Amino acid sequence: MIPTIEILTPNDIQNIPEDIWKHLGEGNKSVLSADVDQYGIITQNLLYNQIGASVAFTADNWKWLKETIKKKKKGGFEIVKVHFKRGTVKSGERRLYAYFSGYTKSNNYFKTGVRQLSSNPVVMPFTSGAGSVSGIKQALKQNLSGTFKNNALVYFVLSSAISLAEWKADQSADGYDLAGALISNIIKAIIISAAVTILAGTLVAVIAAIVAGGSAVAIPAIVIGAI
């Protein structure tokens, strides 16, 4: 068998093979036994959504994810770590800083060990702006705008297509059900993006708060990416 990809325009949506619609339309049944998944939560389409979201995140953040582990010339690996530390700015205010270690000269993203405020775009993926209200607002704006761009947009279209397939397979559903499903997809995407940003920022803030005496705490960057 030779794998192929067919590019469709919105006008071609009805030309998508019926077996694909059927496959997705029947994908809201649990893939586990009733004893394990009593309420039928772990479905085929849920797994498709999770895989799609993970692939989209990885693709959109590949610039720094690929450099979190770097192979050294003499063998072995260098693991980039993010260090969080409290510092005092000119106004006397205590702020959260972040800096990296473990990077190599061949890195493009991790190329400076200079400490940066948590709201700096370079460290934003690891801090979600923790340490200042303005930083968290900036992280929210950045993440929300990215929800419907690039590969995240492709994933959103995929999840909407799954909702459409489930609607087509439900003989009792009407247009209001489809509209509700598509609108809820948009709302969920926005809420999840905001919630993850706030949660990540809170976790970093808690980590910084428990560091005693101004010492720094280090976390492997790949761990933050995985979370």
N, C-alpha and C. Protein backbone atom coordinates (compact mmCIF):
# COMPACT_ATOMS: atom_id res chain seq x y z
N MET A 1 0.84 -1.20 0.00
CA MET A 1 0.00 0.00 0.00
C MET A 1 0.87 1.24 0.00
N ILE A 2 0.49 2.24 -0.78
CA ILE A 2 1.23 3.50 -0.86
C ILE A 2 0.44 4.59 -0.14
N PRO A 3 0.95 5.14 0.97
CA PRO A 3 0.23 6.21 1.67
C PRO A 3 0.09 7.43 0.78
N THR A 4 -1.07 8.06 0.79
CA THR A 4 -1.30 9.26 0.01
C THR A 4 -2.02 10.30 0.85
N ILE A 5 -1.87 11.56 0.46
CA ILE A 5 -2.57 12.66 1.12
C ILE A 5 -3.35 13.42 0.05
N GLU A 6 -4.63 13.64 0.29
CA GLU A 6 -5.45 14.39 -0.65
C GLU A 6 -5.80 15.74 -0.04
N ILE A 7 -5.49 16.81 -0.76
CA ILE A 7 -5.78 18.16 -0.28
C ILE A 7 -7.18 18.57 -0.71
N LEU A 8 -8.00 18.98 0.24
CA LEU A 8 -9.39 19.34 -0.03
C LEU A 8 -9.63 20.81 0.30
N THR A 9 -10.44 21.46 -0.50
CA THR A 9 -10.88 22.82 -0.20
C THR A 9 -12.22 22.70 0.53
N PRO A 10 -12.68 23.79 1.17
CA PRO A 10 -13.98 23.73 1.86
C PRO A 10 -15.11 23.24 0.95
N ASN A 11 -15.04 23.55 -0.36
CA ASN A 11 -16.08 23.12 -1.28
C ASN A 11 -16.06 21.61 -1.54
N ASP A 12 -14.94 20.97 -1.18
CA ASP A 12 -14.81 19.54 -1.44
C ASP A 12 -15.16 18.68 -0.23
N ILE A 13 -15.67 19.31 0.83
CA ILE A 13 -15.87 18.57 2.09
C ILE A 13 -16.78 17.36 1.92
N GLN A 14 -17.75 17.48 1.02
CA GLN A 14 -18.67 16.37 0.80
C GLN A 14 -18.02 15.23 0.03
N ASN A 15 -16.83 15.49 -0.55
CA ASN A 15 -16.13 14.46 -1.32
C ASN A 15 -15.21 13.61 -0.46
N ILE A 16 -15.13 13.92 0.83
CA ILE A 16 -14.32 13.08 1.72
C ILE A 16 -14.93 11.68 1.73
N PRO A 17 -14.13 10.66 1.54
CA PRO A 17 -14.66 9.28 1.47
C PRO A 17 -15.58 8.95 2.65
N GLU A 18 -16.65 8.27 2.35
CA GLU A 18 -17.65 7.96 3.37
C GLU A 18 -17.10 7.08 4.48
N ASP A 19 -16.11 6.22 4.14
CA ASP A 19 -15.57 5.34 5.18
C ASP A 19 -14.82 6.13 6.25
N ILE A 20 -14.27 7.31 5.87
CA ILE A 20 -13.60 8.16 6.86
C ILE A 20 -14.64 8.78 7.79
N TRP A 21 -15.73 9.29 7.20
CA TRP A 21 -16.81 9.84 8.03
C TRP A 21 -17.34 8.77 8.99
N LYS A 22 -17.51 7.55 8.46
CA LYS A 22 -18.04 6.46 9.27
C LYS A 22 -17.08 6.11 10.41
N HIS A 23 -15.78 6.06 10.07
CA HIS A 23 -14.77 5.72 11.08
C HIS A 23 -14.78 6.73 12.22
N LEU A 24 -14.82 8.03 11.89
CA LEU A 24 -14.83 9.07 12.92
C LEU A 24 -16.19 9.15 13.61
N GLY A 25 -17.26 8.91 12.84
CA GLY A 25 -18.60 8.98 13.42
C GLY A 25 -18.84 7.91 14.47
N GLU A 26 -18.16 6.78 14.31
CA GLU A 26 -18.31 5.68 15.28
C GLU A 26 -17.22 5.71 16.35
N GLY A 27 -16.46 6.80 16.34
CA GLY A 27 -15.32 6.89 17.25
C GLY A 27 -15.62 7.41 18.64
N ASN A 28 -16.90 7.57 18.98
CA ASN A 28 -17.23 8.08 20.32
C ASN A 28 -17.60 6.96 21.28
N LYS A 29 -17.18 5.75 20.95
CA LYS A 29 -17.39 4.60 21.84
C LYS A 29 -16.07 4.28 22.53
N SER A 30 -16.15 3.86 23.77
CA SER A 30 -14.94 3.60 24.55
C SER A 30 -14.11 2.48 23.93
N VAL A 31 -12.80 2.64 23.97
CA VAL A 31 -11.90 1.61 23.45
C VAL A 31 -11.52 0.62 24.56
N LEU A 32 -12.00 0.88 25.76
CA LEU A 32 -11.72 0.00 26.90
C LEU A 32 -12.98 -0.76 27.30
N SER A 33 -12.80 -1.75 28.15
CA SER A 33 -13.94 -2.52 28.61
C SER A 33 -14.78 -1.69 29.57
N ALA A 34 -16.03 -2.08 29.75
CA ALA A 34 -16.94 -1.36 30.63
C ALA A 34 -16.46 -1.39 32.08
N ASP A 35 -15.73 -2.42 32.45
CA ASP A 35 -15.21 -2.52 33.82
C ASP A 35 -14.15 -1.45 34.08
N VAL A 36 -13.35 -1.18 33.07
CA VAL A 36 -12.26 -0.20 33.23
C VAL A 36 -12.77 1.21 33.01
N ASP A 37 -13.59 1.40 31.97
CA ASP A 37 -14.10 2.73 31.61
C ASP A 37 -15.62 2.70 31.69
N GLN A 38 -16.13 2.81 32.90
CA GLN A 38 -17.56 2.65 33.15
C GLN A 38 -18.41 3.67 32.40
N TYR A 39 -17.90 4.90 32.24
CA TYR A 39 -18.70 5.96 31.62
C TYR A 39 -18.32 6.23 30.16
N GLY A 40 -17.50 5.38 29.59
CA GLY A 40 -17.16 5.52 28.18
C GLY A 40 -16.42 6.79 27.83
N ILE A 41 -15.44 7.15 28.64
CA ILE A 41 -14.71 8.42 28.45
C ILE A 41 -13.56 8.26 27.46
N ILE A 42 -12.82 7.15 27.57
CA ILE A 42 -11.64 6.95 26.73
C ILE A 42 -12.07 6.40 25.37
N THR A 43 -12.43 7.30 24.48
CA THR A 43 -12.89 6.90 23.15
C THR A 43 -11.79 7.06 22.12
N GLN A 44 -12.05 6.48 20.95
CA GLN A 44 -11.10 6.60 19.84
C GLN A 44 -10.90 8.06 19.46
N ASN A 45 -11.99 8.82 19.38
CA ASN A 45 -11.89 10.22 18.98
C ASN A 45 -11.20 11.06 20.04
N LEU A 46 -11.37 10.71 21.31
CA LEU A 46 -10.65 11.41 22.38
C LEU A 46 -9.15 11.22 22.19
N LEU A 47 -8.73 10.00 21.88
CA LEU A 47 -7.31 9.72 21.66
C LEU A 47 -6.79 10.47 20.44
N TYR A 48 -7.61 10.53 19.38
CA TYR A 48 -7.22 11.28 18.20
C TYR A 48 -7.00 12.75 18.55
N ASN A 49 -7.89 13.29 19.38
CA ASN A 49 -7.78 14.69 19.79
C ASN A 49 -6.52 14.93 20.61
N GLN A 50 -6.22 13.99 21.53
CA GLN A 50 -5.04 14.15 22.37
C GLN A 50 -3.77 14.06 21.55
N ILE A 51 -3.73 13.10 20.61
CA ILE A 51 -2.55 12.95 19.75
C ILE A 51 -2.40 14.19 18.88
N GLY A 52 -3.52 14.67 18.32
CA GLY A 52 -3.48 15.85 17.46
C GLY A 52 -2.98 17.08 18.21
N ALA A 53 -3.46 17.26 19.44
CA ALA A 53 -3.04 18.41 20.24
C ALA A 53 -1.56 18.32 20.58
N SER A 54 -1.08 17.13 20.92
CA SER A 54 0.33 16.95 21.27
C SER A 54 1.24 17.19 20.07
N VAL A 55 0.84 16.67 18.91
CA VAL A 55 1.63 16.88 17.70
C VAL A 55 1.67 18.36 17.34
N ALA A 56 0.52 19.04 17.46
CA ALA A 56 0.45 20.47 17.13
C ALA A 56 1.34 21.28 18.06
N PHE A 57 1.30 20.98 19.36
CA PHE A 57 2.13 21.70 20.32
C PHE A 57 3.61 21.48 20.02
N THR A 58 3.97 20.21 19.76
CA THR A 58 5.37 19.89 19.46
C THR A 58 5.85 20.62 18.22
N ALA A 59 5.03 20.62 17.17
CA ALA A 59 5.42 21.28 15.92
C ALA A 59 5.55 22.79 16.11
N ASP A 60 4.63 23.40 16.85
CA ASP A 60 4.67 24.85 17.03
C ASP A 60 5.78 25.29 17.98
N ASN A 61 6.28 24.36 18.81
CA ASN A 61 7.34 24.70 19.77
C ASN A 61 8.65 23.96 19.48
N TRP A 62 8.76 23.43 18.26
CA TRP A 62 9.91 22.61 17.91
C TRP A 62 11.21 23.39 17.99
N LYS A 63 11.15 24.71 17.79
CA LYS A 63 12.35 25.54 17.79
C LYS A 63 13.13 25.38 19.09
N TRP A 64 12.44 25.32 20.23
CA TRP A 64 13.16 25.15 21.49
C TRP A 64 13.14 23.71 22.00
N LEU A 65 12.08 22.96 21.66
CA LEU A 65 12.01 21.57 22.14
C LEU A 65 13.18 20.73 21.63
N LYS A 66 13.57 20.93 20.36
CA LYS A 66 14.64 20.12 19.78
C LYS A 66 15.99 20.42 20.41
N GLU A 67 16.11 21.57 21.07
CA GLU A 67 17.40 21.94 21.65
C GLU A 67 17.48 21.68 23.15
N THR A 68 16.41 21.14 23.74
CA THR A 68 16.46 20.88 25.18
C THR A 68 17.43 19.75 25.52
N ILE A 69 17.65 18.87 24.54
CA ILE A 69 18.66 17.82 24.70
C ILE A 69 19.59 17.91 23.50
N LYS A 70 20.84 18.16 23.74
CA LYS A 70 21.79 18.38 22.65
C LYS A 70 22.94 17.36 22.76
N LYS A 71 23.23 16.69 21.66
CA LYS A 71 24.33 15.72 21.67
C LYS A 71 25.67 16.44 21.59
N LYS A 72 26.56 16.09 22.49
CA LYS A 72 27.90 16.69 22.51
C LYS A 72 28.81 15.97 21.52
N LYS A 73 29.84 16.66 21.05
CA LYS A 73 30.76 16.10 20.07
C LYS A 73 31.53 14.90 20.62
N LYS A 74 31.89 14.93 21.90
CA LYS A 74 32.70 13.88 22.49
C LYS A 74 31.86 12.76 23.08
N GLY A 75 30.60 12.70 22.71
CA GLY A 75 29.74 11.66 23.24
C GLY A 75 28.92 12.16 24.42
N GLY A 76 27.78 11.52 24.64
CA GLY A 76 26.91 11.95 25.72
C GLY A 76 25.98 13.07 25.28
N PHE A 77 25.21 13.56 26.24
CA PHE A 77 24.22 14.58 25.93
C PHE A 77 24.30 15.72 26.94
N GLU A 78 23.94 16.89 26.48
CA GLU A 78 23.81 18.05 27.35
C GLU A 78 22.32 18.33 27.52
N ILE A 79 21.85 18.37 28.73
CA ILE A 79 20.44 18.66 29.00
C ILE A 79 20.32 20.12 29.44
N VAL A 80 19.57 20.88 28.68
CA VAL A 80 19.38 22.29 29.03
C VAL A 80 18.47 22.39 30.25
N LYS A 81 18.91 23.18 31.22
CA LYS A 81 18.11 23.39 32.43
C LYS A 81 17.70 24.86 32.53
N VAL A 82 16.51 25.06 33.10
CA VAL A 82 16.02 26.41 33.34
C VAL A 82 16.18 26.69 34.83
N HIS A 83 16.88 27.77 35.15
CA HIS A 83 17.10 28.15 36.53
C HIS A 83 16.18 29.32 36.89
N PHE A 84 15.49 29.18 38.01
CA PHE A 84 14.62 30.25 38.50
C PHE A 84 15.23 30.85 39.76
N LYS A 85 15.27 32.17 39.81
CA LYS A 85 15.88 32.83 40.96
C LYS A 85 15.23 34.19 41.18
N ARG A 86 15.08 34.55 42.44
CA ARG A 86 14.55 35.86 42.79
C ARG A 86 15.68 36.88 42.78
N GLY A 87 15.39 38.05 42.23
CA GLY A 87 16.38 39.10 42.19
C GLY A 87 15.73 40.44 42.45
N THR A 88 16.54 41.46 42.70
CA THR A 88 16.04 42.80 43.00
C THR A 88 16.31 43.73 41.82
N VAL A 89 15.27 44.40 41.35
CA VAL A 89 15.43 45.36 40.26
C VAL A 89 15.77 46.73 40.85
N LYS A 90 16.00 47.72 39.99
CA LYS A 90 16.44 49.04 40.43
C LYS A 90 15.46 49.70 41.41
N SER A 91 14.17 49.41 41.22
CA SER A 91 13.16 50.02 42.09
C SER A 91 13.14 49.39 43.47
N GLY A 92 13.90 48.32 43.65
CA GLY A 92 13.93 47.62 44.94
C GLY A 92 12.94 46.47 45.00
N GLU A 93 12.14 46.29 43.93
CA GLU A 93 11.15 45.22 43.91
C GLU A 93 11.82 43.89 43.62
N ARG A 94 11.34 42.85 44.32
CA ARG A 94 11.85 41.50 44.10
C ARG A 94 11.12 40.88 42.92
N ARG A 95 11.85 40.45 41.89
CA ARG A 95 11.24 39.88 40.69
C ARG A 95 11.82 38.50 40.40
N LEU A 96 11.07 37.74 39.63
CA LEU A 96 11.51 36.40 39.26
C LEU A 96 12.32 36.45 37.97
N TYR A 97 13.51 35.86 38.01
CA TYR A 97 14.36 35.79 36.83
C TYR A 97 14.53 34.33 36.41
N ALA A 98 14.88 34.13 35.14
CA ALA A 98 15.17 32.79 34.64
C ALA A 98 16.39 32.86 33.74
N TYR A 99 17.21 31.82 33.78
CA TYR A 99 18.34 31.72 32.87
C TYR A 99 18.60 30.24 32.59
N PHE A 100 19.35 29.96 31.53
CA PHE A 100 19.57 28.60 31.08
C PHE A 100 21.01 28.17 31.32
N SER A 101 21.18 26.86 31.45
CA SER A 101 22.52 26.27 31.51
C SER A 101 22.47 24.93 30.78
N GLY A 102 23.64 24.43 30.38
CA GLY A 102 23.70 23.13 29.71
C GLY A 102 23.57 23.20 28.22
N TYR A 103 23.46 24.41 27.67
CA TYR A 103 23.36 24.53 26.21
C TYR A 103 24.77 24.51 25.61
N THR A 104 24.83 24.28 24.30
CA THR A 104 26.11 24.25 23.59
C THR A 104 26.18 25.42 22.60
N LYS A 105 27.34 25.61 22.02
CA LYS A 105 27.53 26.72 21.08
C LYS A 105 26.68 26.55 19.83
N SER A 106 26.32 25.30 19.52
CA SER A 106 25.54 25.04 18.31
C SER A 106 24.05 25.30 18.50
N ASN A 107 23.64 25.58 19.74
CA ASN A 107 22.23 25.90 19.97
C ASN A 107 21.87 27.24 19.34
N ASN A 108 20.68 27.32 18.79
CA ASN A 108 20.18 28.57 18.24
C ASN A 108 19.24 29.28 19.21
N TYR A 109 18.42 28.50 19.90
CA TYR A 109 17.45 29.09 20.83
C TYR A 109 18.10 29.38 22.18
N PHE A 110 18.74 28.38 22.76
CA PHE A 110 19.41 28.55 24.05
C PHE A 110 20.84 29.01 23.82
N LYS A 111 21.02 30.28 23.65
CA LYS A 111 22.36 30.78 23.33
C LYS A 111 22.83 31.88 24.27
N THR A 112 22.15 32.03 25.39
CA THR A 112 22.60 33.03 26.35
C THR A 112 22.33 32.55 27.77
N GLY A 113 23.30 32.79 28.62
CA GLY A 113 23.12 32.44 30.02
C GLY A 113 22.73 33.64 30.86
N VAL A 114 22.55 34.77 30.20
CA VAL A 114 22.17 35.99 30.92
C VAL A 114 20.76 35.83 31.48
N ARG A 115 20.57 36.25 32.71
CA ARG A 115 19.24 36.10 33.32
C ARG A 115 18.25 37.06 32.67
N GLN A 116 17.02 36.59 32.55
CA GLN A 116 15.96 37.36 31.93
C GLN A 116 14.75 37.38 32.86
N LEU A 117 13.99 38.48 32.83
CA LEU A 117 12.74 38.51 33.57
C LEU A 117 11.79 37.46 33.00
N SER A 118 10.89 36.97 33.84
CA SER A 118 10.02 35.88 33.41
C SER A 118 9.09 36.28 32.28
N SER A 119 8.95 37.59 32.01
CA SER A 119 8.09 38.04 30.92
C SER A 119 8.82 38.14 29.59
N ASN A 120 10.13 37.85 29.58
CA ASN A 120 10.89 37.92 28.35
C ASN A 120 10.43 36.80 27.40
N PRO A 121 10.23 37.10 26.10
CA PRO A 121 9.74 36.10 25.15
C PRO A 121 10.59 34.83 25.09
N VAL A 122 11.89 34.95 25.36
CA VAL A 122 12.77 33.78 25.30
C VAL A 122 12.44 32.78 26.40
N VAL A 123 12.09 33.25 27.57
CA VAL A 123 11.81 32.35 28.69
C VAL A 123 10.32 32.16 28.93
N MET A 124 9.48 32.86 28.16
CA MET A 124 8.04 32.77 28.35
C MET A 124 7.50 31.33 28.30
N PRO A 125 8.01 30.47 27.36
CA PRO A 125 7.49 29.10 27.33
C PRO A 125 7.72 28.33 28.62
N PHE A 126 8.67 28.79 29.45
CA PHE A 126 9.01 28.06 30.68
C PHE A 126 8.45 28.72 31.94
N THR A 127 7.99 29.94 31.83
CA THR A 127 7.54 30.67 33.02
C THR A 127 6.09 31.10 32.96
N SER A 128 5.52 31.19 31.75
CA SER A 128 4.16 31.71 31.56
C SER A 128 4.01 33.08 32.23
N GLY A 129 5.10 33.83 32.27
CA GLY A 129 5.05 35.19 32.79
C GLY A 129 4.99 35.29 34.29
N ALA A 130 5.21 34.20 35.00
CA ALA A 130 5.14 34.22 36.47
C ALA A 130 6.12 35.24 37.03
N GLY A 131 5.70 35.90 38.08
CA GLY A 131 6.57 36.88 38.72
C GLY A 131 6.03 38.29 38.62
N SER A 132 5.11 38.52 37.68
CA SER A 132 4.50 39.84 37.56
C SER A 132 3.14 39.70 36.87
N VAL A 133 2.23 40.59 37.22
CA VAL A 133 0.89 40.59 36.62
C VAL A 133 0.99 40.87 35.12
N SER A 134 1.84 41.83 34.76
CA SER A 134 2.01 42.17 33.34
C SER A 134 2.57 40.99 32.56
N GLY A 135 3.46 40.22 33.19
CA GLY A 135 4.04 39.06 32.53
C GLY A 135 3.00 37.99 32.25
N ILE A 136 2.12 37.74 33.21
CA ILE A 136 1.06 36.74 33.03
C ILE A 136 0.08 37.20 31.95
N LYS A 137 -0.23 38.51 31.94
CA LYS A 137 -1.12 39.04 30.90
C LYS A 137 -0.50 38.85 29.52
N GLN A 138 0.80 39.09 29.44
CA GLN A 138 1.51 38.94 28.18
C GLN A 138 1.50 37.48 27.72
N ALA A 139 1.68 36.55 28.68
CA ALA A 139 1.67 35.13 28.36
C ALA A 139 0.28 34.69 27.90
N LEU A 140 -0.76 35.20 28.57
CA LEU A 140 -2.13 34.88 28.18
C LEU A 140 -2.40 35.34 26.75
N LYS A 141 -2.00 36.58 26.46
CA LYS A 141 -2.21 37.12 25.12
C LYS A 141 -1.49 36.29 24.07
N GLN A 142 -0.25 35.93 24.38
CA GLN A 142 0.56 35.16 23.43
C GLN A 142 -0.03 33.78 23.19
N ASN A 143 -0.43 33.10 24.26
CA ASN A 143 -0.95 31.73 24.13
C ASN A 143 -2.34 31.70 23.50
N LEU A 144 -3.18 32.67 23.85
CA LEU A 144 -4.52 32.71 23.28
C LEU A 144 -4.46 32.99 21.78
N SER A 145 -3.57 33.90 21.38
CA SER A 145 -3.45 34.21 19.96
C SER A 145 -2.88 33.03 19.19
N GLY A 146 -2.09 32.19 19.87
CA GLY A 146 -1.51 31.03 19.21
C GLY A 146 -2.45 29.85 19.11
N THR A 147 -3.61 29.94 19.78
CA THR A 147 -4.56 28.83 19.78
C THR A 147 -5.13 28.57 18.40
N PHE A 148 -5.23 29.61 17.59
CA PHE A 148 -5.84 29.47 16.26
C PHE A 148 -4.85 29.89 15.17
N LYS A 149 -3.58 29.50 15.37
CA LYS A 149 -2.55 29.78 14.38
C LYS A 149 -1.73 28.52 14.12
N ASN A 150 -1.08 28.50 12.98
CA ASN A 150 -0.11 27.47 12.64
C ASN A 150 -0.67 26.06 12.83
N ASN A 151 0.09 25.18 13.47
CA ASN A 151 -0.34 23.80 13.64
C ASN A 151 -1.48 23.66 14.64
N ALA A 152 -1.57 24.60 15.58
CA ALA A 152 -2.70 24.58 16.52
C ALA A 152 -4.01 24.76 15.76
N LEU A 153 -3.99 25.57 14.71
CA LEU A 153 -5.19 25.77 13.88
C LEU A 153 -5.54 24.49 13.13
N VAL A 154 -4.52 23.79 12.63
CA VAL A 154 -4.76 22.51 11.94
C VAL A 154 -5.43 21.53 12.89
N TYR A 155 -4.94 21.47 14.13
CA TYR A 155 -5.55 20.58 15.12
C TYR A 155 -6.99 20.99 15.41
N PHE A 156 -7.25 22.30 15.49
CA PHE A 156 -8.61 22.77 15.76
C PHE A 156 -9.55 22.35 14.64
N VAL A 157 -9.07 22.42 13.40
CA VAL A 157 -9.88 21.98 12.26
C VAL A 157 -10.15 20.47 12.37
N LEU A 158 -9.13 19.71 12.77
CA LEU A 158 -9.29 18.27 12.95
C LEU A 158 -10.35 17.96 14.00
N SER A 159 -10.29 18.63 15.15
CA SER A 159 -11.26 18.37 16.21
C SER A 159 -12.67 18.76 15.77
N SER A 160 -12.78 19.81 14.96
CA SER A 160 -14.09 20.22 14.46
C SER A 160 -14.62 19.20 13.45
N ALA A 161 -13.72 18.64 12.65
CA ALA A 161 -14.13 17.60 11.69
C ALA A 161 -14.63 16.36 12.42
N ILE A 162 -13.99 16.04 13.55
CA ILE A 162 -14.44 14.90 14.36
C ILE A 162 -15.84 15.16 14.90
N SER A 163 -16.08 16.40 15.37
CA SER A 163 -17.41 16.77 15.87
C SER A 163 -18.44 16.67 14.75
N LEU A 164 -18.04 17.09 13.55
CA LEU A 164 -18.94 17.02 12.40
C LEU A 164 -19.27 15.57 12.06
N ALA A 165 -18.27 14.69 12.11
CA ALA A 165 -18.48 13.28 11.81
C ALA A 165 -19.42 12.64 12.82
N GLU A 166 -19.24 12.97 14.10
CA GLU A 166 -20.12 12.43 15.14
C GLU A 166 -21.55 12.93 14.95
N TRP A 167 -21.69 14.18 14.52
CA TRP A 167 -23.02 14.74 14.26
C TRP A 167 -23.69 14.05 13.08
N LYS A 168 -22.92 13.79 12.02
CA LYS A 168 -23.46 13.12 10.84
C LYS A 168 -23.94 11.71 11.18
N ALA A 169 -23.27 11.06 12.14
CA ALA A 169 -23.61 9.68 12.50
C ALA A 169 -24.80 9.61 13.45
N ASP A 170 -25.16 10.73 14.06
CA ASP A 170 -26.27 10.76 15.02
C ASP A 170 -27.55 11.14 14.28
N GLN A 171 -28.41 10.17 14.08
CA GLN A 171 -29.65 10.39 13.32
C GLN A 171 -30.61 11.36 14.00
N SER A 172 -30.47 11.50 15.34
CA SER A 172 -31.41 12.36 16.08
C SER A 172 -30.91 13.80 16.20
N ALA A 173 -29.67 14.07 15.74
CA ALA A 173 -29.09 15.41 15.89
C ALA A 173 -29.60 16.35 14.81
N ASP A 174 -29.68 17.65 15.16
CA ASP A 174 -30.08 18.65 14.18
C ASP A 174 -29.00 19.73 14.07
N GLY A 175 -29.31 20.78 13.33
CA GLY A 175 -28.33 21.84 13.10
C GLY A 175 -27.89 22.53 14.37
N TYR A 176 -28.80 22.64 15.35
CA TYR A 176 -28.44 23.28 16.61
C TYR A 176 -27.38 22.47 17.35
N ASP A 177 -27.49 21.13 17.25
CA ASP A 177 -26.51 20.27 17.91
C ASP A 177 -25.12 20.47 17.30
N LEU A 178 -25.06 20.59 15.97
CA LEU A 178 -23.78 20.79 15.30
C LEU A 178 -23.19 22.15 15.67
N ALA A 179 -24.03 23.19 15.63
CA ALA A 179 -23.56 24.53 16.00
C ALA A 179 -23.04 24.54 17.43
N GLY A 180 -23.77 23.87 18.31
CA GLY A 180 -23.35 23.82 19.72
C GLY A 180 -22.02 23.12 19.88
N ALA A 181 -21.81 22.02 19.12
CA ALA A 181 -20.56 21.27 19.22
C ALA A 181 -19.39 22.10 18.72
N LEU A 182 -19.57 22.81 17.60
CA LEU A 182 -18.48 23.60 17.03
C LEU A 182 -18.16 24.81 17.91
N ILE A 183 -19.21 25.45 18.45
CA ILE A 183 -18.98 26.60 19.33
C ILE A 183 -18.29 26.16 20.61
N SER A 184 -18.70 25.00 21.14
CA SER A 184 -18.07 24.51 22.38
C SER A 184 -16.60 24.18 22.14
N ASN A 185 -16.24 23.74 20.92
CA ASN A 185 -14.83 23.49 20.59
C ASN A 185 -14.02 24.77 20.71
N ILE A 186 -14.59 25.87 20.22
CA ILE A 186 -13.90 27.16 20.30
C ILE A 186 -13.73 27.59 21.75
N ILE A 187 -14.83 27.48 22.51
CA ILE A 187 -14.80 27.89 23.93
C ILE A 187 -13.80 27.05 24.71
N LYS A 188 -13.81 25.73 24.46
CA LYS A 188 -12.89 24.84 25.18
C LYS A 188 -11.44 25.19 24.86
N ALA A 189 -11.16 25.47 23.58
CA ALA A 189 -9.79 25.80 23.19
C ALA A 189 -9.30 27.05 23.91
N ILE A 190 -10.17 28.05 24.04
CA ILE A 190 -9.80 29.30 24.71
C ILE A 190 -9.61 29.07 26.21
N ILE A 191 -10.55 28.36 26.83
CA ILE A 191 -10.49 28.13 28.27
C ILE A 191 -9.26 27.29 28.63
N ILE A 192 -9.00 26.24 27.85
CA ILE A 192 -7.85 25.37 28.14
C ILE A 192 -6.55 26.14 28.01
N SER A 193 -6.44 26.96 26.96
CA SER A 193 -5.22 27.74 26.75
C SER A 193 -4.98 28.69 27.92
N ALA A 194 -6.04 29.37 28.36
CA ALA A 194 -5.91 30.30 29.48
C ALA A 194 -5.59 29.56 30.78
N ALA A 195 -6.27 28.42 31.00
CA ALA A 195 -6.07 27.66 32.23
C ALA A 195 -4.65 27.11 32.33
N VAL A 196 -4.14 26.59 31.21
CA VAL A 196 -2.78 26.04 31.21
C VAL A 196 -1.75 27.14 31.48
N THR A 197 -1.98 28.31 30.88
CA THR A 197 -1.06 29.44 31.09
C THR A 197 -1.03 29.83 32.57
N ILE A 198 -2.19 29.99 33.15
CA ILE A 198 -2.28 30.40 34.57
C ILE A 198 -1.70 29.32 35.47
N LEU A 199 -2.01 28.04 35.17
CA LEU A 199 -1.50 26.94 35.99
C LEU A 199 0.02 26.88 35.93
N ALA A 200 0.57 26.98 34.71
CA ALA A 200 2.03 26.92 34.56
C ALA A 200 2.69 28.09 35.28
N GLY A 201 2.12 29.29 35.14
CA GLY A 201 2.66 30.45 35.82
C GLY A 201 2.60 30.31 37.33
N THR A 202 1.50 29.72 37.82
CA THR A 202 1.35 29.52 39.27
C THR A 202 2.38 28.51 39.78
N LEU A 203 2.58 27.42 39.03
CA LEU A 203 3.55 26.41 39.45
C LEU A 203 4.96 26.99 39.53
N VAL A 204 5.32 27.80 38.53
CA VAL A 204 6.65 28.42 38.54
C VAL A 204 6.77 29.39 39.72
N ALA A 205 5.69 30.14 39.98
CA ALA A 205 5.70 31.09 41.09
C ALA A 205 5.86 30.35 42.43
N VAL A 206 5.20 29.20 42.56
CA VAL A 206 5.32 28.40 43.79
C VAL A 206 6.74 27.88 43.94
N ILE A 207 7.32 27.41 42.84
CA ILE A 207 8.70 26.92 42.87
C ILE A 207 9.64 28.03 43.34
N ALA A 208 9.43 29.22 42.78
CA ALA A 208 10.28 30.36 43.15
C ALA A 208 10.09 30.76 44.60
N ALA A 209 8.84 30.63 45.09
CA ALA A 209 8.53 31.04 46.45
C ALA A 209 9.19 30.14 47.50
N ILE A 210 9.35 28.85 47.16
CA ILE A 210 9.91 27.93 48.15
C ILE A 210 11.44 27.90 48.13
N VAL A 211 12.03 28.61 47.17
CA VAL A 211 13.49 28.69 47.14
C VAL A 211 13.95 29.63 48.24
N ALA A 212 14.75 29.12 49.13
CA ALA A 212 15.16 29.91 50.29
C ALA A 212 16.44 30.69 50.03
N GLY A 213 16.54 31.85 50.64
CA GLY A 213 17.77 32.62 50.66
C GLY A 213 18.25 33.12 49.31
N GLY A 214 17.36 33.22 48.35
CA GLY A 214 17.74 33.75 47.06
C GLY A 214 18.49 32.76 46.18
N SER A 215 18.61 31.49 46.61
CA SER A 215 19.28 30.50 45.77
C SER A 215 18.38 30.13 44.60
N ALA A 216 18.95 29.51 43.58
CA ALA A 216 18.19 29.18 42.38
C ALA A 216 17.77 27.72 42.38
N VAL A 217 16.67 27.43 41.70
CA VAL A 217 16.23 26.05 41.51
C VAL A 217 16.22 25.80 40.01
N ALA A 218 16.70 24.63 39.60
CA ALA A 218 16.83 24.31 38.17
C ALA A 218 15.91 23.16 37.80
N ILE A 219 15.28 23.27 36.62
CA ILE A 219 14.39 22.24 36.10
C ILE A 219 14.79 21.97 34.64
N PRO A 220 14.94 20.69 34.25
CA PRO A 220 15.23 20.40 32.84
C PRO A 220 14.15 20.98 31.93
N ALA A 221 14.56 21.68 30.89
CA ALA A 221 13.59 22.31 29.99
C ALA A 221 12.67 21.29 29.34
N ILE A 222 13.18 20.10 29.04
CA ILE A 222 12.37 19.08 28.38
C ILE A 222 11.24 18.61 29.29
N VAL A 223 11.45 18.65 30.61
CA VAL A 223 10.41 18.27 31.56
C VAL A 223 9.25 19.24 31.48
N ILE A 224 9.57 20.53 31.41
CA ILE A 224 8.51 21.55 31.29
C ILE A 224 7.76 21.37 29.99
N GLY A 225 8.49 21.07 28.91
CA GLY A 225 7.83 20.82 27.63
C GLY A 225 6.90 19.62 27.68
N ALA A 226 7.34 18.56 28.35
CA ALA A 226 6.52 17.35 28.47
C ALA A 226 5.24 17.63 29.27
N ILE A 227 5.40 18.39 30.36
CA ILE A 227 4.22 18.72 31.17
C ILE A 227 3.24 19.54 30.37
